[in-house]
Amino acid sequence: MSIYRIGEREIEYTLRRSPRAKKASLSVTPQSFELLVPERATEEQINAVLERRRSWIIETVQHMRERARAQTRVYRFVTGAKIPYRGRMTRLTIEPFDGSLAEVSFRNGFQIRKPQHLSPDSTDSIIETALRLWLKRRVRDDARDFIRRHGERHGLKPRGVQIKDQKHMWGSCGQDRQINLNWHLIFAPKPVLEYAVVHEMCHLRHRNHEPEFWDLVGRVLPDWKERKAWLDKNEHLLGWEKVETSV
């Protein structure tokens, strides 16, 4: 990780060289940005790109931070609390029971049974862990369904799918034909998750984002632009921030 300094302000960024890159490109997250450059780019060329995009970097990082502050905050995992799920805020119902592990189910909201012997200090972390595990399994199952639905028909067959906690991307497709997906996609509407899966499947044939790639995405999902637009607009809402409260 490198530091880009603008006056007294410091912004973390990652410099990545790629033999496939034909020109420099920037991607931004709330806390950092990535600069992708051709493999043989010189330090002088890199510094020139940073200086040329200086205003854009400042404005975009600030905008992303403001959007991140709008993320759902959870103070306690108790009955009546809400978390995002498939594009909607969804209510939690918590009930104690005699079991030893927290159990999660869904029916018009999340039904969570917690061991009644749990102390107040450990209840939140146990419930949050159980919720995360349930949601990650749901993403995996949905992704496999989408791969079965579209893979055979379009000749796009990944080796497998993994669900990860990725900070700076929604998905990736490795050279080993393994698709990786960010589990936070479960917070988006199901058609948006489908778009993310199809996007990575299409990288099995086209490793870049040239017109041929988007043509293939369009053959699989004719309305992909609307789904992508939803993700671009609402990505800051996909998740929750657990706020620790002091006694």
Protein backbone atom coordinates (compact mmCIF):
# COMPACT_ATOMS: atom_id res chain seq x y z
CA MET A 1 0.00 0.00 0.00
CA SER A 2 1.35 3.43 -0.99
CA ILE A 3 0.46 6.90 0.22
CA TYR A 4 -0.69 9.72 -2.06
CA ARG A 5 -0.19 13.09 -0.36
CA ILE A 6 -2.21 16.18 -1.18
CA GLY A 7 -1.04 18.94 1.12
CA GLU A 8 -1.43 17.56 4.65
CA ARG A 9 -3.93 14.96 3.52
CA GLU A 10 -2.85 11.34 3.02
CA ILE A 11 -4.82 8.82 0.94
CA GLU A 12 -3.81 5.18 0.74
CA TYR A 13 -3.59 3.67 -2.72
CA THR A 14 -2.42 0.52 -4.44
CA LEU A 15 -0.29 0.57 -7.59
CA ARG A 16 -0.88 -2.45 -9.80
CA ARG A 17 0.97 -3.19 -13.03
CA SER A 18 -0.63 -5.39 -15.66
CA PRO A 19 0.66 -6.67 -19.02
CA ARG A 20 -2.95 -6.46 -20.29
CA ALA A 21 -3.46 -2.80 -19.39
CA LYS A 22 -3.21 -0.47 -22.40
CA LYS A 23 -3.61 2.71 -20.37
CA ALA A 24 -3.83 3.85 -16.76
CA SER A 25 -7.15 3.54 -14.92
CA LEU A 26 -8.34 4.42 -11.42
CA SER A 27 -10.82 2.74 -9.08
CA VAL A 28 -11.80 4.24 -5.73
CA THR A 29 -13.06 2.91 -2.38
CA PRO A 30 -14.02 4.99 0.69
CA GLN A 31 -10.53 4.71 2.20
CA SER A 32 -8.21 4.22 -0.76
CA PHE A 33 -7.88 3.91 -4.51
CA GLU A 34 -6.13 1.64 -6.97
CA LEU A 35 -4.09 2.81 -9.93
CA LEU A 36 -3.76 0.21 -12.67
CA VAL A 37 -1.01 0.93 -15.19
CA PRO A 38 0.67 -0.87 -18.10
CA GLU A 39 3.50 -3.11 -16.97
CA ARG A 40 6.23 -0.84 -18.37
CA ALA A 41 4.85 2.46 -17.10
CA THR A 42 7.61 4.71 -15.68
CA GLU A 43 7.50 6.58 -12.37
CA GLU A 44 7.27 9.83 -14.34
CA GLN A 45 4.20 8.57 -16.23
CA ILE A 46 2.59 7.33 -13.00
CA ASN A 47 3.14 10.66 -11.23
CA ALA A 48 1.73 12.48 -14.26
CA VAL A 49 -1.49 10.42 -14.06
CA LEU A 50 -1.84 11.12 -10.34
CA GLU A 51 -1.33 14.84 -10.84
CA ARG A 52 -3.72 15.00 -13.79
CA ARG A 53 -6.47 13.20 -11.82
CA ARG A 54 -5.76 15.02 -8.54
CA SER A 55 -9.09 16.87 -8.28
CA TRP A 56 -11.06 13.81 -9.35
CA ILE A 57 -9.37 11.64 -6.69
CA ILE A 58 -10.15 14.13 -3.90
CA GLU A 59 -13.78 14.62 -4.94
CA THR A 60 -14.46 10.93 -5.51
CA VAL A 61 -12.88 9.71 -2.25
CA GLN A 62 -14.88 12.32 -0.33
CA HIS A 63 -18.08 11.27 -2.10
CA MET A 64 -17.45 7.61 -1.31
CA ARG A 65 -16.84 8.40 2.37
CA GLU A 66 -20.13 10.30 2.56
CA ARG A 67 -21.94 7.35 1.00
CA ALA A 68 -20.27 4.92 3.41
CA ARG A 69 -21.59 6.95 6.36
CA ALA A 70 -25.12 6.20 5.10
CA GLN A 71 -24.63 2.46 5.68
CA THR A 72 -27.05 0.71 8.02
CA ARG A 73 -25.94 0.89 11.65
CA VAL A 74 -26.86 -1.89 14.07
CA TYR A 75 -26.54 -1.15 17.78
CA ARG A 76 -28.00 -4.39 19.12
CA PHE A 77 -29.19 -7.61 17.47
CA VAL A 78 -32.56 -7.64 19.20
CA THR A 79 -36.17 -8.14 18.15
CA GLY A 80 -37.22 -5.18 16.02
CA ALA A 81 -33.74 -4.37 14.70
CA LYS A 82 -33.43 -4.36 10.90
CA ILE A 83 -30.72 -5.29 8.43
CA PRO A 84 -30.72 -5.09 4.61
CA TYR A 85 -31.57 -8.28 2.70
CA ARG A 86 -32.22 -8.58 -1.03
CA GLY A 87 -32.71 -4.82 -1.43
CA ARG A 88 -35.08 -4.31 1.53
CA MET A 89 -34.72 -3.57 5.22
CA THR A 90 -35.72 -6.75 7.03
CA ARG A 91 -36.79 -7.21 10.64
CA LEU A 92 -35.14 -9.54 13.15
CA THR A 93 -37.07 -11.60 15.68
CA ILE A 94 -34.93 -13.07 18.47
CA GLU A 95 -36.15 -15.90 20.69
CA PRO A 96 -34.30 -17.88 23.39
CA PHE A 97 -34.34 -21.69 23.29
CA ASP A 98 -32.62 -24.69 24.89
CA GLY A 99 -30.14 -25.36 22.08
CA SER A 100 -26.40 -24.79 22.22
CA LEU A 101 -25.96 -22.91 18.91
CA ALA A 102 -27.79 -19.93 17.41
CA GLU A 103 -30.17 -20.90 14.58
CA VAL A 104 -31.28 -18.64 11.70
CA SER A 105 -34.29 -19.06 9.43
CA PHE A 106 -36.26 -16.72 7.20
CA ARG A 107 -40.01 -16.25 6.84
CA ASN A 108 -41.18 -12.69 6.20
CA GLY A 109 -38.15 -11.65 8.24
CA PHE A 110 -35.27 -13.26 10.09
CA GLN A 111 -36.21 -15.69 12.85
CA ILE A 112 -33.23 -16.22 15.14
CA ARG A 113 -33.18 -18.63 18.04
CA LYS A 114 -30.39 -18.02 20.54
CA PRO A 115 -29.20 -20.26 23.40
CA GLN A 116 -30.92 -18.94 26.49
CA HIS A 117 -27.79 -19.33 28.62
CA LEU A 118 -25.88 -16.66 26.65
CA SER A 119 -24.64 -13.68 28.61
CA PRO A 120 -25.67 -10.20 27.39
CA ASP A 121 -22.03 -9.48 26.49
CA SER A 122 -21.76 -12.44 24.10
CA THR A 123 -25.29 -12.45 22.62
CA ASP A 124 -24.66 -9.82 19.92
CA SER A 125 -21.47 -11.42 18.58
CA ILE A 126 -23.04 -14.91 18.53
CA ILE A 127 -26.10 -13.69 16.62
CA GLU A 128 -24.04 -11.62 14.18
CA THR A 129 -21.76 -14.58 13.43
CA ALA A 130 -24.74 -16.86 12.83
CA LEU A 131 -26.37 -14.30 10.52
CA ARG A 132 -23.20 -13.84 8.48
CA LEU A 133 -22.82 -17.60 8.05
CA TRP A 134 -26.46 -18.00 6.95
CA LEU A 135 -26.18 -15.12 4.47
CA LYS A 136 -22.93 -16.41 2.97
CA ARG A 137 -24.53 -19.82 2.41
CA ARG A 138 -27.48 -18.15 0.72
CA VAL A 139 -25.17 -16.28 -1.69
CA ARG A 140 -23.37 -19.52 -2.50
CA ASP A 141 -26.59 -21.41 -3.17
CA ASP A 142 -28.01 -18.60 -5.32
CA ALA A 143 -24.78 -18.30 -7.29
CA ARG A 144 -24.76 -22.03 -8.04
CA ASP A 145 -28.35 -21.81 -9.26
CA PHE A 146 -27.45 -18.95 -11.62
CA ILE A 147 -24.42 -20.84 -12.92
CA ARG A 148 -26.59 -23.87 -13.68
CA ARG A 149 -29.20 -21.67 -15.35
CA HIS A 150 -26.83 -19.81 -17.67
CA GLY A 151 -23.66 -21.92 -17.88
CA GLU A 152 -24.77 -24.79 -20.09
CA ARG A 153 -26.78 -22.59 -22.46
CA HIS A 154 -23.90 -20.18 -23.11
CA GLY A 155 -20.91 -22.49 -22.71
CA LEU A 156 -19.69 -20.73 -19.57
CA LYS A 157 -18.67 -23.32 -17.00
CA PRO A 158 -16.56 -22.15 -14.03
CA ARG A 159 -14.56 -24.65 -12.02
CA GLY A 160 -16.38 -23.57 -8.88
CA VAL A 161 -17.59 -20.61 -6.84
CA GLN A 162 -16.23 -19.22 -3.59
CA ILE A 163 -17.84 -16.65 -1.31
CA LYS A 164 -15.40 -14.14 0.14
CA ASP A 165 -15.27 -11.01 2.25
CA GLN A 166 -13.73 -8.76 -0.42
CA LYS A 167 -13.19 -5.12 0.47
CA HIS A 168 -12.69 -3.54 -2.94
CA MET A 169 -14.60 -5.63 -5.47
CA TRP A 170 -17.88 -7.47 -5.98
CA GLY A 171 -16.35 -10.43 -7.71
CA SER A 172 -13.45 -11.85 -9.66
CA CYS A 173 -12.67 -14.69 -12.03
CA GLY A 174 -9.30 -16.36 -11.63
CA GLN A 175 -7.11 -17.90 -14.27
CA ASP A 176 -8.07 -21.23 -12.69
CA ARG A 177 -11.69 -20.53 -13.79
CA GLN A 178 -12.75 -20.14 -10.18
CA ILE A 179 -15.39 -17.44 -9.55
CA ASN A 180 -15.15 -15.43 -6.35
CA LEU A 181 -18.06 -13.36 -5.07
CA ASN A 182 -18.39 -10.78 -2.31
CA TRP A 183 -20.94 -12.05 0.23
CA HIS A 184 -22.34 -8.51 0.62
CA LEU A 185 -24.16 -9.08 -2.68
CA ILE A 186 -26.83 -10.85 -0.62
CA PHE A 187 -27.98 -7.39 0.51
CA ALA A 188 -28.84 -6.44 -3.09
CA PRO A 189 -32.00 -7.52 -4.97
CA LYS A 190 -31.66 -11.02 -6.39
CA PRO A 191 -31.46 -9.81 -10.05
CA VAL A 192 -28.42 -7.69 -9.07
CA LEU A 193 -26.71 -10.74 -7.58
CA GLU A 194 -27.51 -12.61 -10.79
CA TYR A 195 -25.85 -9.82 -12.79
CA ALA A 196 -22.69 -10.08 -10.64
CA VAL A 197 -22.53 -13.84 -11.19
CA VAL A 198 -23.07 -13.53 -14.94
CA HIS A 199 -20.46 -10.74 -15.13
CA GLU A 200 -17.80 -13.05 -13.69
CA MET A 201 -18.96 -15.99 -15.81
CA CYS A 202 -18.46 -13.91 -18.95
CA HIS A 203 -14.86 -13.29 -17.88
CA LEU A 204 -14.28 -16.99 -18.51
CA ARG A 205 -14.33 -16.08 -22.21
CA HIS A 206 -13.25 -12.43 -22.18
CA ARG A 207 -10.70 -11.36 -19.57
CA ASN A 208 -11.19 -7.62 -20.13
CA HIS A 209 -14.08 -5.18 -20.43
CA GLU A 210 -13.85 -4.63 -24.15
CA PRO A 211 -17.08 -4.38 -26.23
CA GLU A 212 -17.04 -8.14 -26.89
CA PHE A 213 -17.32 -8.77 -23.17
CA TRP A 214 -20.36 -6.53 -22.74
CA ASP A 215 -21.94 -8.02 -25.86
CA LEU A 216 -21.73 -11.43 -24.20
CA VAL A 217 -23.18 -10.10 -20.93
CA GLY A 218 -26.05 -8.65 -22.97
CA ARG A 219 -26.78 -11.96 -24.65
CA VAL A 220 -27.08 -13.61 -21.25
CA LEU A 221 -28.90 -10.75 -19.49
CA PRO A 222 -30.46 -8.24 -21.91
CA ASP A 223 -31.28 -5.83 -19.03
CA TRP A 224 -27.80 -5.93 -17.45
CA LYS A 225 -27.43 -2.14 -17.62
CA GLU A 226 -30.36 -1.59 -15.24
CA ARG A 227 -29.00 -4.17 -12.80
CA LYS A 228 -25.50 -2.69 -12.92
CA ALA A 229 -26.92 0.83 -12.45
CA TRP A 230 -28.69 -0.30 -9.25
CA LEU A 231 -25.43 -1.72 -7.90
CA ASP A 232 -23.44 1.39 -8.78
CA LYS A 233 -26.02 3.64 -7.12
CA ASN A 234 -26.67 1.59 -3.98
CA GLU A 235 -23.40 -0.22 -3.28
CA HIS A 236 -22.88 1.81 -0.08
CA LEU A 237 -26.08 0.30 1.38
CA LEU A 238 -24.99 -3.32 1.00
CA GLY A 239 -24.08 -4.31 4.51
CA TRP A 240 -24.28 -3.13 8.07
CA GLU A 241 -21.95 -1.45 10.52
CA LYS A 242 -22.04 -2.82 14.06
CA VAL A 243 -21.85 0.15 16.41
CA GLU A 244 -20.36 -0.62 19.79
CA THR A 245 -22.16 1.14 22.62
CA SER A 246 -20.50 2.12 25.87
CA VAL A 247 -22.14 1.39 29.19
